[in-house]
Each structure stands twice: as structure tokens, then as C-alpha cells.
Amino acid sequence: MKIRKRFLPRSVQDAVATAFMAAIIPVTFWFEVYVVIPGVHGSDSVFNWIHFVPAIFLLFNISVNMLAVVMCDTSCGTEIINVPSNVAVAGGLGSRSWHLCSTCEAVAPPRAWHCNTCKACILKRDHHCVFTGCCIGHKNHRYFILFVLHLFVATLYASILNNYFIWFVRGEEFRNWTSLVKIVFPLAMLVIDTSTKQYYLVIYLINMVGMLFTGVLLIYHGRLILSGQVVHERGCLDYDLGWRENLRMVLGQRWHLTWLSPFIRSELPINGVNWDIVQKQANKSK
């Protein structure tokens, strides 16, 4: 993996979103492991350790996959690009064929799109992610989708525990109309109520929203990946090789093991430049 030279967020929006994500992940882990789980099972229960194992697994995969997304350079500059002599170079941006990027003043391969925030053409650009402050492209697509997958599992897991903790273990404190107001306006209520209970409600609501948001993201991007598309190619099936091969194009040759750890080596079957070969394979399969 080639490391990005400038990996810090380049816009205020990216910086705020990335900082929020980097902060809420360890805060939620602490809340679940040291407050919620002991509150549900008791401080000396063996079940605390049973919960601790998947919590560490999820924290590891979320954190390292997010870091890999940020650090991985997936721009066109990571590959030596030789334009085939038998193809015509089109003008403008966003072409599915070889095209000239007027901003970079260089020829970009098919599926490469220029990002004005990252200031580079990105190989098989999917989208610009504000929560990591960088583009999702050919070489970090794997880490992004696994980051979202583990984040969804973690927020679902946390939301189940939190609901039981808030409404049953500590139910007498929260089952009143003022608590409902505090849940609807948690950050605003922190100005009035700075008690520990209000902070619990803020983390509870963030996890619930996070579960819904990552669930929608997982379904949306998962369907695109399984059909061989990126965000800019919705409805285009020119690169659809079947769900198994499409997964290999994103997760690599060992796609079935990559969910275990971002450190598992899984070579991508293509360098992100020669998509004309994949397109021909897709046409043959149809």
C-alpha cells in the first residue's frame, strides 16, 4: 500500500467530520465496556469478558480500516499509465473511456474521476468520504466497505445493549417526559443539564443514528459492489462479472477472509488502470 503524502483533511467539513469520527469511536468503546456492560451484568460477572472479546475485535477493525482508508493513496499517480495506441482519448471529465483531465493536465484511464477536494484523479473513484477526509477509490475501497460493515455491527451491538441499559437497568431514571425531550435535543440539553445521565443519552442517541446511517450506507454501497459499479456508474453494468468476481475486484483474491483483519494480504486482480480488459470479460459473460 502506497501512503498518501498529504493525508490530513483539506476542507473544514472534512476536518470536523473526521475529528468527530475519531473521537466518538473510543468514547463509545469506553461507554459500552466500562459503563453499559458492567451495568447490565454486574461488575464482577464473567459475561463482561465475553462481551470484551467482540468489542476489541470490532474496535480493532473499525480503527485500522479507517486509518487504512485515510492513509492509502489511490490516485492515478500510484500507477504508470500507458495509453493504448488503439484507443482515442476523449476530452472532459467523468468519461468511462480514456480521457484528458484538464485540471491535472494528464490522461486518465477509464473509471478515473478528478476530485476537486483531493486535487487529484482517483483510480476507479467511488466518492469523496467526509468522515475520512479523502476519496474512496480502487485501492482503499476494500478498507472503506469493511470499515462501514464493522461500524454497523458495532453500533447495532451497542444499540441493543444501550436500550436494555437505559430503559430497563436504569429505567426509573429515564422513563419520564423530560427524558424524551432530552433524547430529542441531547446536545442542546447539555447546556442546561450537565449530569452523567445526559451524557449517557447523547452517546445512546449517537449510536442509534449511527446504526441507521451505516446500515443504509452498507446496503447502498454493498449493492453497487455486488453489481460491479461505483457511485458515478449507477445503472451501468459494463463491468459486472457476477457477484463473486465483483467482490474480488474490491476485496481482492482472499475476499472471504478480509473481514477478519485489514492486515490480511489480499491482492487485487487488476491495477485499476486496464478496465478495458474487465469490460471485455463482462461482455463475454453476458
C-alpha atoms as a PDB file:
ATOM      1  CA  MET A   1       0.000   0.000   0.000  1.00  0.00           C
ATOM      2  CA  LYS A   2       1.415   3.360  -1.023  1.00  0.00           C
ATOM      3  CA  ILE A   3       0.963   6.036   1.657  1.00  0.00           C
ATOM      4  CA  ARG A   4      -0.634   9.373   0.762  1.00  0.00           C
ATOM      5  CA  LYS A   5       1.770  12.293   1.016  1.00  0.00           C
ATOM      6  CA  ARG A   6      -0.943  14.604   2.348  1.00  0.00           C
ATOM      7  CA  PHE A   7      -3.378  12.579   4.421  1.00  0.00           C
ATOM      8  CA  LEU A   8      -4.840  15.367   6.574  1.00  0.00           C
ATOM      9  CA  PRO A   9      -8.342  16.654   5.658  1.00  0.00           C
ATOM     10  CA  ARG A  10      -8.246  19.507   3.143  1.00  0.00           C
ATOM     11  CA  SER A  11     -11.561  21.178   3.979  1.00  0.00           C
ATOM     12  CA  VAL A  12     -13.244  22.344   7.174  1.00  0.00           C
ATOM     13  CA  GLN A  13     -16.163  19.993   6.579  1.00  0.00           C
ATOM     14  CA  ASP A  14     -13.828  17.014   6.226  1.00  0.00           C
ATOM     15  CA  ALA A  15     -11.808  18.030   9.295  1.00  0.00           C
ATOM     16  CA  VAL A  16     -14.886  18.335  11.519  1.00  0.00           C
ATOM     17  CA  ALA A  17     -16.432  15.050  10.340  1.00  0.00           C
ATOM     18  CA  THR A  18     -13.162  13.122  10.598  1.00  0.00           C
ATOM     19  CA  ALA A  19     -12.401  14.531  14.051  1.00  0.00           C
ATOM     20  CA  PHE A  20     -15.896  13.594  15.222  1.00  0.00           C
ATOM     21  CA  MET A  21     -15.464  10.026  13.954  1.00  0.00           C
ATOM     22  CA  ALA A  22     -12.008   9.692  15.515  1.00  0.00           C
ATOM     23  CA  ALA A  23     -13.390  10.887  18.867  1.00  0.00           C
ATOM     24  CA  ILE A  24     -16.706   9.025  19.047  1.00  0.00           C
ATOM     25  CA  ILE A  25     -15.201   5.581  18.352  1.00  0.00           C
ATOM     26  CA  PRO A  26     -13.066   5.365  21.550  1.00  0.00           C
ATOM     27  CA  VAL A  27     -15.709   7.200  23.605  1.00  0.00           C
ATOM     28  CA  THR A  28     -18.354   4.654  22.605  1.00  0.00           C
ATOM     29  CA  PHE A  29     -15.979   1.767  23.299  1.00  0.00           C
ATOM     30  CA  TRP A  30     -15.316   3.123  26.795  1.00  0.00           C
ATOM     31  CA  PHE A  31     -19.016   3.680  27.442  1.00  0.00           C
ATOM     32  CA  GLU A  32     -20.016   0.166  26.393  1.00  0.00           C
ATOM     33  CA  VAL A  33     -17.147  -1.701  28.109  1.00  0.00           C
ATOM     34  CA  TYR A  34     -16.888   0.257  31.346  1.00  0.00           C
ATOM     35  CA  VAL A  35     -20.435   1.564  31.892  1.00  0.00           C
ATOM     36  CA  VAL A  36     -23.109  -0.372  29.998  1.00  0.00           C
ATOM     37  CA  ILE A  37     -21.845  -3.965  30.130  1.00  0.00           C
ATOM     38  CA  PRO A  38     -20.968  -3.885  33.867  1.00  0.00           C
ATOM     39  CA  GLY A  39     -24.284  -2.134  34.455  1.00  0.00           C
ATOM     40  CA  VAL A  40     -26.182  -4.916  32.713  1.00  0.00           C
ATOM     41  CA  HIS A  41     -24.321  -7.947  34.113  1.00  0.00           C
ATOM     42  CA  GLY A  42     -22.670  -6.604  37.260  1.00  0.00           C
ATOM     43  CA  SER A  43     -19.074  -5.505  37.757  1.00  0.00           C
ATOM     44  CA  ASP A  44     -17.771  -8.992  38.659  1.00  0.00           C
ATOM     45  CA  SER A  45     -19.676 -11.034  36.057  1.00  0.00           C
ATOM     46  CA  VAL A  46     -17.826 -13.352  33.672  1.00  0.00           C
ATOM     47  CA  PHE A  47     -20.115 -12.053  30.911  1.00  0.00           C
ATOM     48  CA  ASN A  48     -18.146  -8.801  30.935  1.00  0.00           C
ATOM     49  CA  TRP A  49     -15.159 -10.678  29.492  1.00  0.00           C
ATOM     50  CA  ILE A  50     -17.362 -12.477  26.970  1.00  0.00           C
ATOM     51  CA  HIS A  51     -18.504  -9.081  25.670  1.00  0.00           C
ATOM     52  CA  PHE A  52     -14.951  -7.715  25.820  1.00  0.00           C
ATOM     53  CA  VAL A  53     -13.637 -10.068  23.106  1.00  0.00           C
ATOM     54  CA  PRO A  54     -16.011  -8.964  20.277  1.00  0.00           C
ATOM     55  CA  ALA A  55     -15.694  -5.353  21.478  1.00  0.00           C
ATOM     56  CA  ILE A  56     -11.907  -5.447  20.986  1.00  0.00           C
ATOM     57  CA  PHE A  57     -12.312  -7.211  17.615  1.00  0.00           C
ATOM     58  CA  LEU A  58     -14.730  -4.527  16.380  1.00  0.00           C
ATOM     59  CA  LEU A  59     -12.656  -1.642  17.753  1.00  0.00           C
ATOM     60  CA  PHE A  60      -9.540  -3.024  16.044  1.00  0.00           C
ATOM     61  CA  ASN A  61     -11.215  -3.490  12.656  1.00  0.00           C
ATOM     62  CA  ILE A  62     -13.029  -0.150  12.740  1.00  0.00           C
ATOM     63  CA  SER A  63      -9.953   1.845  13.751  1.00  0.00           C
ATOM     64  CA  VAL A  64      -7.407   0.169  11.472  1.00  0.00           C
ATOM     65  CA  ASN A  65      -9.706   0.060   8.436  1.00  0.00           C
ATOM     66  CA  MET A  66     -10.492   3.749   8.900  1.00  0.00           C
ATOM     67  CA  LEU A  67      -6.777   4.527   9.192  1.00  0.00           C
ATOM     68  CA  ALA A  68      -6.080   2.458   6.047  1.00  0.00           C
ATOM     69  CA  VAL A  69      -8.741   4.397   4.116  1.00  0.00           C
ATOM     70  CA  VAL A  70      -7.110   7.676   5.133  1.00  0.00           C
ATOM     71  CA  MET A  71      -3.510   6.627   4.525  1.00  0.00           C
ATOM     72  CA  CYS A  72      -3.875   4.635   1.297  1.00  0.00           C
ATOM     73  CA  ASP A  73      -3.028   6.560  -1.864  1.00  0.00           C
ATOM     74  CA  THR A  74      -5.446   5.533  -4.590  1.00  0.00           C
ATOM     75  CA  SER A  75      -4.708   8.323  -7.064  1.00  0.00           C
ATOM     76  CA  CYS A  76      -3.605   7.839 -10.655  1.00  0.00           C
ATOM     77  CA  GLY A  77      -0.103   8.848  -9.615  1.00  0.00           C
ATOM     78  CA  THR A  78       0.435   5.462  -7.963  1.00  0.00           C
ATOM     79  CA  GLU A  79       0.488   3.652 -11.321  1.00  0.00           C
ATOM     80  CA  ILE A  80       2.486   4.029 -14.521  1.00  0.00           C
ATOM     81  CA  ILE A  81      -0.196   4.846 -17.075  1.00  0.00           C
ATOM     82  CA  ASN A  82       0.490   3.908 -20.683  1.00  0.00           C
ATOM     83  CA  VAL A  83      -2.294   4.859 -23.064  1.00  0.00           C
ATOM     84  CA  PRO A  84      -3.004   2.003 -25.520  1.00  0.00           C
ATOM     85  CA  SER A  85      -2.189   3.006 -29.093  1.00  0.00           C
ATOM     86  CA  ASN A  86      -5.518   1.722 -30.401  1.00  0.00           C
ATOM     87  CA  VAL A  87      -7.764   3.945 -28.236  1.00  0.00           C
ATOM     88  CA  ALA A  88      -8.859   7.540 -28.669  1.00  0.00           C
ATOM     89  CA  VAL A  89      -8.514   9.973 -25.797  1.00  0.00           C
ATOM     90  CA  ALA A  90     -11.725  11.874 -25.072  1.00  0.00           C
ATOM     91  CA  GLY A  91     -11.895  15.380 -23.669  1.00  0.00           C
ATOM     92  CA  GLY A  92     -13.568  16.392 -20.436  1.00  0.00           C
ATOM     93  CA  LEU A  93     -14.051  14.709 -17.087  1.00  0.00           C
ATOM     94  CA  GLY A  94     -16.100  11.776 -15.963  1.00  0.00           C
ATOM     95  CA  SER A  95     -15.656   9.647 -19.062  1.00  0.00           C
ATOM     96  CA  ARG A  96     -15.844   5.855 -18.937  1.00  0.00           C
ATOM     97  CA  SER A  97     -13.105   5.765 -21.555  1.00  0.00           C
ATOM     98  CA  TRP A  98      -9.580   7.182 -21.617  1.00  0.00           C
ATOM     99  CA  HIS A  99      -9.861  10.931 -21.193  1.00  0.00           C
ATOM    100  CA  LEU A 100      -7.829  14.072 -20.663  1.00  0.00           C
ATOM    101  CA  CYS A 101      -8.148  15.712 -17.267  1.00  0.00           C
ATOM    102  CA  SER A 102      -7.752  19.436 -17.856  1.00  0.00           C
ATOM    103  CA  THR A 103      -7.065  20.074 -14.158  1.00  0.00           C
ATOM    104  CA  CYS A 104      -4.274  17.521 -13.766  1.00  0.00           C
ATOM    105  CA  GLU A 105      -3.176  18.060 -17.381  1.00  0.00           C
ATOM    106  CA  ALA A 106      -2.753  14.319 -17.765  1.00  0.00           C
ATOM    107  CA  VAL A 107      -4.501  11.398 -19.422  1.00  0.00           C
ATOM    108  CA  ALA A 108      -6.664   9.427 -17.008  1.00  0.00           C
ATOM    109  CA  PRO A 109      -7.789   5.807 -17.511  1.00  0.00           C
ATOM    110  CA  PRO A 110     -11.406   4.610 -17.608  1.00  0.00           C
ATOM    111  CA  ARG A 111     -13.338   4.940 -14.325  1.00  0.00           C
ATOM    112  CA  ALA A 112     -10.883   7.554 -13.012  1.00  0.00           C
ATOM    113  CA  TRP A 113     -12.513  10.802 -11.881  1.00  0.00           C
ATOM    114  CA  HIS A 114     -10.991  14.040 -10.683  1.00  0.00           C
ATOM    115  CA  CYS A 115     -11.703  15.194  -7.125  1.00  0.00           C
ATOM    116  CA  ASN A 116     -11.550  18.930  -6.531  1.00  0.00           C
ATOM    117  CA  THR A 117     -11.058  18.416  -2.787  1.00  0.00           C
ATOM    118  CA  CYS A 118      -8.254  15.861  -3.037  1.00  0.00           C
ATOM    119  CA  LYS A 119      -6.883  17.720  -6.088  1.00  0.00           C
ATOM    120  CA  ALA A 120      -6.092  14.509  -7.957  1.00  0.00           C
ATOM    121  CA  CYS A 121      -7.576  11.970 -10.343  1.00  0.00           C
ATOM    122  CA  ILE A 122      -8.642   8.885  -8.393  1.00  0.00           C
ATOM    123  CA  LEU A 123      -8.461   5.358  -9.805  1.00  0.00           C
ATOM    124  CA  LYS A 124     -11.977   3.900 -10.030  1.00  0.00           C
ATOM    125  CA  ARG A 125     -13.300   6.768  -7.941  1.00  0.00           C
ATOM    126  CA  ASP A 126     -16.402   5.871  -5.957  1.00  0.00           C
ATOM    127  CA  HIS A 127     -16.995   9.023  -3.910  1.00  0.00           C
ATOM    128  CA  HIS A 128     -15.370  11.509  -1.532  1.00  0.00           C
ATOM    129  CA  CYS A 129     -15.943  10.488   2.091  1.00  0.00           C
ATOM    130  CA  VAL A 130     -16.136  13.389   4.557  1.00  0.00           C
ATOM    131  CA  PHE A 131     -15.753  11.056   7.567  1.00  0.00           C
ATOM    132  CA  THR A 132     -12.272  10.039   6.414  1.00  0.00           C
ATOM    133  CA  GLY A 133     -11.403  13.264   4.577  1.00  0.00           C
ATOM    134  CA  CYS A 134     -10.395  11.511   1.360  1.00  0.00           C
ATOM    135  CA  CYS A 135     -11.686   9.807  -1.767  1.00  0.00           C
ATOM    136  CA  ILE A 136     -12.712   6.182  -1.917  1.00  0.00           C
ATOM    137  CA  GLY A 137     -11.144   4.566  -4.953  1.00  0.00           C
ATOM    138  CA  HIS A 138      -9.699   1.368  -6.318  1.00  0.00           C
ATOM    139  CA  LYS A 139      -7.035   0.747  -3.669  1.00  0.00           C
ATOM    140  CA  ASN A 140      -8.894   1.737  -0.496  1.00  0.00           C
ATOM    141  CA  HIS A 141     -12.385   0.556  -1.479  1.00  0.00           C
ATOM    142  CA  ARG A 142     -11.810  -2.643   0.479  1.00  0.00           C
ATOM    143  CA  TYR A 143     -10.963  -0.796   3.672  1.00  0.00           C
ATOM    144  CA  PHE A 144     -13.920   1.563   3.301  1.00  0.00           C
ATOM    145  CA  ILE A 145     -16.610  -1.098   2.904  1.00  0.00           C
ATOM    146  CA  LEU A 146     -15.167  -3.168   5.768  1.00  0.00           C
ATOM    147  CA  PHE A 147     -14.965  -0.029   7.907  1.00  0.00           C
ATOM    148  CA  VAL A 148     -18.674   0.551   7.260  1.00  0.00           C
ATOM    149  CA  LEU A 149     -19.505  -3.139   7.842  1.00  0.00           C
ATOM    150  CA  HIS A 150     -17.774  -3.333  11.225  1.00  0.00           C
ATOM    151  CA  LEU A 151     -19.116   0.076  12.216  1.00  0.00           C
ATOM    152  CA  PHE A 152     -22.675  -1.109  11.507  1.00  0.00           C
ATOM    153  CA  VAL A 153     -22.180  -4.317  13.518  1.00  0.00           C
ATOM    154  CA  ALA A 154     -20.643  -2.325  16.376  1.00  0.00           C
ATOM    155  CA  THR A 155     -23.408   0.303  16.502  1.00  0.00           C
ATOM    156  CA  LEU A 156     -26.081  -2.408  16.257  1.00  0.00           C
ATOM    157  CA  TYR A 157     -24.426  -4.318  19.091  1.00  0.00           C
ATOM    158  CA  ALA A 158     -24.058  -1.141  21.158  1.00  0.00           C
ATOM    159  CA  SER A 159     -27.636  -0.009  20.478  1.00  0.00           C
ATOM    160  CA  ILE A 160     -29.064  -3.312  21.730  1.00  0.00           C
ATOM    161  CA  LEU A 161     -27.018  -3.076  24.931  1.00  0.00           C
ATOM    162  CA  ASN A 162     -27.794   0.621  25.359  1.00  0.00           C
ATOM    163  CA  ASN A 163     -31.550   0.158  25.000  1.00  0.00           C
ATOM    164  CA  TYR A 164     -31.544  -2.535  27.659  1.00  0.00           C
ATOM    165  CA  PHE A 165     -29.309  -0.441  29.939  1.00  0.00           C
ATOM    166  CA  ILE A 166     -31.240   2.830  29.519  1.00  0.00           C
ATOM    167  CA  TRP A 167     -34.812   1.525  29.629  1.00  0.00           C
ATOM    168  CA  PHE A 168     -34.575  -1.500  31.922  1.00  0.00           C
ATOM    169  CA  VAL A 169     -31.473  -1.313  34.142  1.00  0.00           C
ATOM    170  CA  ARG A 170     -31.709   2.466  34.666  1.00  0.00           C
ATOM    171  CA  GLY A 171     -35.356   2.721  33.617  1.00  0.00           C
ATOM    172  CA  GLU A 172     -36.640   4.609  36.637  1.00  0.00           C
ATOM    173  CA  GLU A 173     -34.278   7.495  35.851  1.00  0.00           C
ATOM    174  CA  PHE A 174     -35.207   7.761  32.168  1.00  0.00           C
ATOM    175  CA  ARG A 175     -38.886   6.791  31.846  1.00  0.00           C
ATOM    176  CA  ASN A 176     -40.392  10.284  32.073  1.00  0.00           C
ATOM    177  CA  TRP A 177     -41.341  13.048  29.669  1.00  0.00           C
ATOM    178  CA  THR A 178     -38.251  15.152  30.438  1.00  0.00           C
ATOM    179  CA  SER A 179     -36.017  12.285  29.310  1.00  0.00           C
ATOM    180  CA  LEU A 180     -37.848  12.159  25.983  1.00  0.00           C
ATOM    181  CA  VAL A 181     -37.136  15.863  25.481  1.00  0.00           C
ATOM    182  CA  LYS A 182     -33.501  15.276  26.368  1.00  0.00           C
ATOM    183  CA  ILE A 183     -33.253  12.441  23.828  1.00  0.00           C
ATOM    184  CA  VAL A 184     -34.765  14.587  21.055  1.00  0.00           C
ATOM    185  CA  PHE A 185     -32.480  17.548  21.849  1.00  0.00           C
ATOM    186  CA  PRO A 186     -29.483  15.919  23.553  1.00  0.00           C
ATOM    187  CA  LEU A 187     -26.757  18.450  22.719  1.00  0.00           C
ATOM    188  CA  ALA A 188     -28.974  21.448  23.450  1.00  0.00           C
ATOM    189  CA  MET A 189     -29.944  19.949  26.807  1.00  0.00           C
ATOM    190  CA  LEU A 190     -26.275  19.647  27.772  1.00  0.00           C
ATOM    191  CA  VAL A 191     -26.299  23.428  28.227  1.00  0.00           C
ATOM    192  CA  ILE A 192     -28.983  23.005  30.916  1.00  0.00           C
ATOM    193  CA  ASP A 193     -28.218  19.530  32.250  1.00  0.00           C
ATOM    194  CA  THR A 194     -24.550  18.508  32.510  1.00  0.00           C
ATOM    195  CA  SER A 195     -25.216  15.403  34.572  1.00  0.00           C
ATOM    196  CA  THR A 196     -23.769  11.993  33.753  1.00  0.00           C
ATOM    197  CA  LYS A 197     -27.243  10.816  32.748  1.00  0.00           C
ATOM    198  CA  GLN A 198     -27.438  13.399  29.967  1.00  0.00           C
ATOM    199  CA  TYR A 199     -24.063  12.322  28.563  1.00  0.00           C
ATOM    200  CA  TYR A 200     -25.368   8.755  28.546  1.00  0.00           C
ATOM    201  CA  LEU A 201     -28.348   9.900  26.474  1.00  0.00           C
ATOM    202  CA  VAL A 202     -26.095  11.707  23.982  1.00  0.00           C
ATOM    203  CA  ILE A 203     -23.984   8.587  23.387  1.00  0.00           C
ATOM    204  CA  TYR A 204     -27.142   6.466  23.225  1.00  0.00           C
ATOM    205  CA  LEU A 205     -28.652   8.673  20.506  1.00  0.00           C
ATOM    206  CA  ILE A 206     -25.403   8.909  18.519  1.00  0.00           C
ATOM    207  CA  ASN A 207     -25.227   5.114  18.413  1.00  0.00           C
ATOM    208  CA  MET A 208     -28.836   4.787  17.287  1.00  0.00           C
ATOM    209  CA  VAL A 209     -28.338   7.319  14.481  1.00  0.00           C
ATOM    210  CA  GLY A 210     -25.018   5.709  13.597  1.00  0.00           C
ATOM    211  CA  MET A 211     -26.645   2.292  13.315  1.00  0.00           C
ATOM    212  CA  LEU A 212     -29.307   3.598  10.904  1.00  0.00           C
ATOM    213  CA  PHE A 213     -26.829   5.638   8.875  1.00  0.00           C
ATOM    214  CA  THR A 214     -24.237   2.885   8.482  1.00  0.00           C
ATOM    215  CA  GLY A 215     -26.977   0.371   7.734  1.00  0.00           C
ATOM    216  CA  VAL A 216     -28.203   2.483   4.813  1.00  0.00           C
ATOM    217  CA  LEU A 217     -24.605   3.013   3.631  1.00  0.00           C
ATOM    218  CA  LEU A 218     -23.882  -0.709   3.803  1.00  0.00           C
ATOM    219  CA  ILE A 219     -26.945  -1.601   1.730  1.00  0.00           C
ATOM    220  CA  TYR A 220     -26.302   1.168  -0.799  1.00  0.00           C
ATOM    221  CA  HIS A 221     -22.597   0.530  -1.360  1.00  0.00           C
ATOM    222  CA  GLY A 222     -22.979  -3.225  -0.982  1.00  0.00           C
ATOM    223  CA  ARG A 223     -25.440  -3.356  -3.887  1.00  0.00           C
ATOM    224  CA  LEU A 224     -23.103  -1.267  -6.036  1.00  0.00           C
ATOM    225  CA  ILE A 225     -20.134  -3.508  -5.268  1.00  0.00           C
ATOM    226  CA  LEU A 226     -22.061  -6.719  -5.960  1.00  0.00           C
ATOM    227  CA  SER A 227     -23.079  -5.359  -9.387  1.00  0.00           C
ATOM    228  CA  GLY A 228     -19.577  -4.096 -10.254  1.00  0.00           C
ATOM    229  CA  GLN A 229     -20.470  -0.398 -10.096  1.00  0.00           C
ATOM    230  CA  VAL A 230     -19.315   2.737  -8.334  1.00  0.00           C
ATOM    231  CA  VAL A 231     -21.469   5.709  -7.319  1.00  0.00           C
ATOM    232  CA  HIS A 232     -20.944   7.561 -10.621  1.00  0.00           C
ATOM    233  CA  GLU A 233     -21.922   4.466 -12.621  1.00  0.00           C
ATOM    234  CA  ARG A 234     -25.357   3.716 -11.185  1.00  0.00           C
ATOM    235  CA  GLY A 235     -27.259   1.742 -13.790  1.00  0.00           C
ATOM    236  CA  CYS A 236     -24.133   0.885 -15.789  1.00  0.00           C
ATOM    237  CA  LEU A 237     -23.356  -2.849 -15.898  1.00  0.00           C
ATOM    238  CA  ASP A 238     -20.344  -2.658 -18.214  1.00  0.00           C
ATOM    239  CA  TYR A 239     -18.078  -4.116 -15.516  1.00  0.00           C
ATOM    240  CA  ASP A 240     -20.433  -6.653 -13.959  1.00  0.00           C
ATOM    241  CA  LEU A 241     -18.648 -10.023 -13.782  1.00  0.00           C
ATOM    242  CA  GLY A 242     -21.036 -11.667 -11.338  1.00  0.00           C
ATOM    243  CA  TRP A 243     -21.184 -11.066  -7.589  1.00  0.00           C
ATOM    244  CA  ARG A 244     -18.224 -13.302  -6.698  1.00  0.00           C
ATOM    245  CA  GLU A 245     -15.835 -11.711  -9.203  1.00  0.00           C
ATOM    246  CA  ASN A 246     -17.151  -8.261  -8.359  1.00  0.00           C
ATOM    247  CA  LEU A 247     -16.246  -8.880  -4.715  1.00  0.00           C
ATOM    248  CA  ARG A 248     -12.755  -9.939  -5.768  1.00  0.00           C
ATOM    249  CA  MET A 249     -12.356  -6.655  -7.654  1.00  0.00           C
ATOM    250  CA  VAL A 250     -12.893  -4.777  -4.379  1.00  0.00           C
ATOM    251  CA  LEU A 251     -11.719  -7.120  -1.611  1.00  0.00           C
ATOM    252  CA  GLY A 252      -9.004  -8.991  -3.517  1.00  0.00           C
ATOM    253  CA  GLN A 253      -8.210 -12.651  -4.108  1.00  0.00           C
ATOM    254  CA  ARG A 254      -8.824 -13.621  -0.472  1.00  0.00           C
ATOM    255  CA  TRP A 255     -12.096 -11.717  -0.265  1.00  0.00           C
ATOM    256  CA  HIS A 256     -13.694 -14.242   2.090  1.00  0.00           C
ATOM    257  CA  LEU A 257     -11.036 -13.589   4.801  1.00  0.00           C
ATOM    258  CA  THR A 258     -10.590  -9.810   4.627  1.00  0.00           C
ATOM    259  CA  TRP A 259     -13.338  -9.156   7.185  1.00  0.00           C
ATOM    260  CA  LEU A 260     -11.151 -10.749   9.861  1.00  0.00           C
ATOM    261  CA  SER A 261      -8.369  -8.172   9.691  1.00  0.00           C
ATOM    262  CA  PRO A 262      -7.196  -5.293   7.475  1.00  0.00           C
ATOM    263  CA  PHE A 263      -3.699  -6.812   7.710  1.00  0.00           C
ATOM    264  CA  ILE A 264      -4.701  -9.923   5.745  1.00  0.00           C
ATOM    265  CA  ARG A 265      -2.929  -9.726   2.395  1.00  0.00           C
ATOM    266  CA  SER A 266      -5.421  -9.880  -0.472  1.00  0.00           C
ATOM    267  CA  GLU A 267      -4.083  -8.830  -3.863  1.00  0.00           C
ATOM    268  CA  LEU A 268      -6.461  -7.029  -6.208  1.00  0.00           C
ATOM    269  CA  PRO A 269      -6.820  -8.782  -9.599  1.00  0.00           C
ATOM    270  CA  ILE A 270      -6.314  -5.534 -11.556  1.00  0.00           C
ATOM    271  CA  ASN A 271      -4.184  -2.422 -11.091  1.00  0.00           C
ATOM    272  CA  GLY A 272      -7.089  -0.001 -11.541  1.00  0.00           C
ATOM    273  CA  VAL A 273      -5.964   1.169 -14.989  1.00  0.00           C
ATOM    274  CA  ASN A 274      -6.745  -1.513 -17.580  1.00  0.00           C
ATOM    275  CA  TRP A 275     -10.503  -1.688 -17.214  1.00  0.00           C
ATOM    276  CA  ASP A 276     -10.990  -2.364 -20.914  1.00  0.00           C
ATOM    277  CA  ILE A 277      -9.972  -5.978 -20.239  1.00  0.00           C
ATOM    278  CA  VAL A 278     -12.585  -6.310 -17.481  1.00  0.00           C
ATOM    279  CA  GLN A 279     -15.201  -4.726 -19.745  1.00  0.00           C
ATOM    280  CA  LYS A 280     -14.496  -7.323 -22.460  1.00  0.00           C
ATOM    281  CA  GLN A 281     -14.819 -10.135 -19.879  1.00  0.00           C
ATOM    282  CA  ALA A 282     -18.134  -8.714 -18.717  1.00  0.00           C
ATOM    283  CA  ASN A 283     -19.450  -8.525 -22.302  1.00  0.00           C
ATOM    284  CA  LYS A 284     -18.456 -12.157 -22.895  1.00  0.00           C
ATOM    285  CA  SER A 285     -20.229 -13.322 -19.759  1.00  0.00           C
ATOM    286  CA  LYS A 286     -23.430 -11.651 -20.952  1.00  0.00           C
END
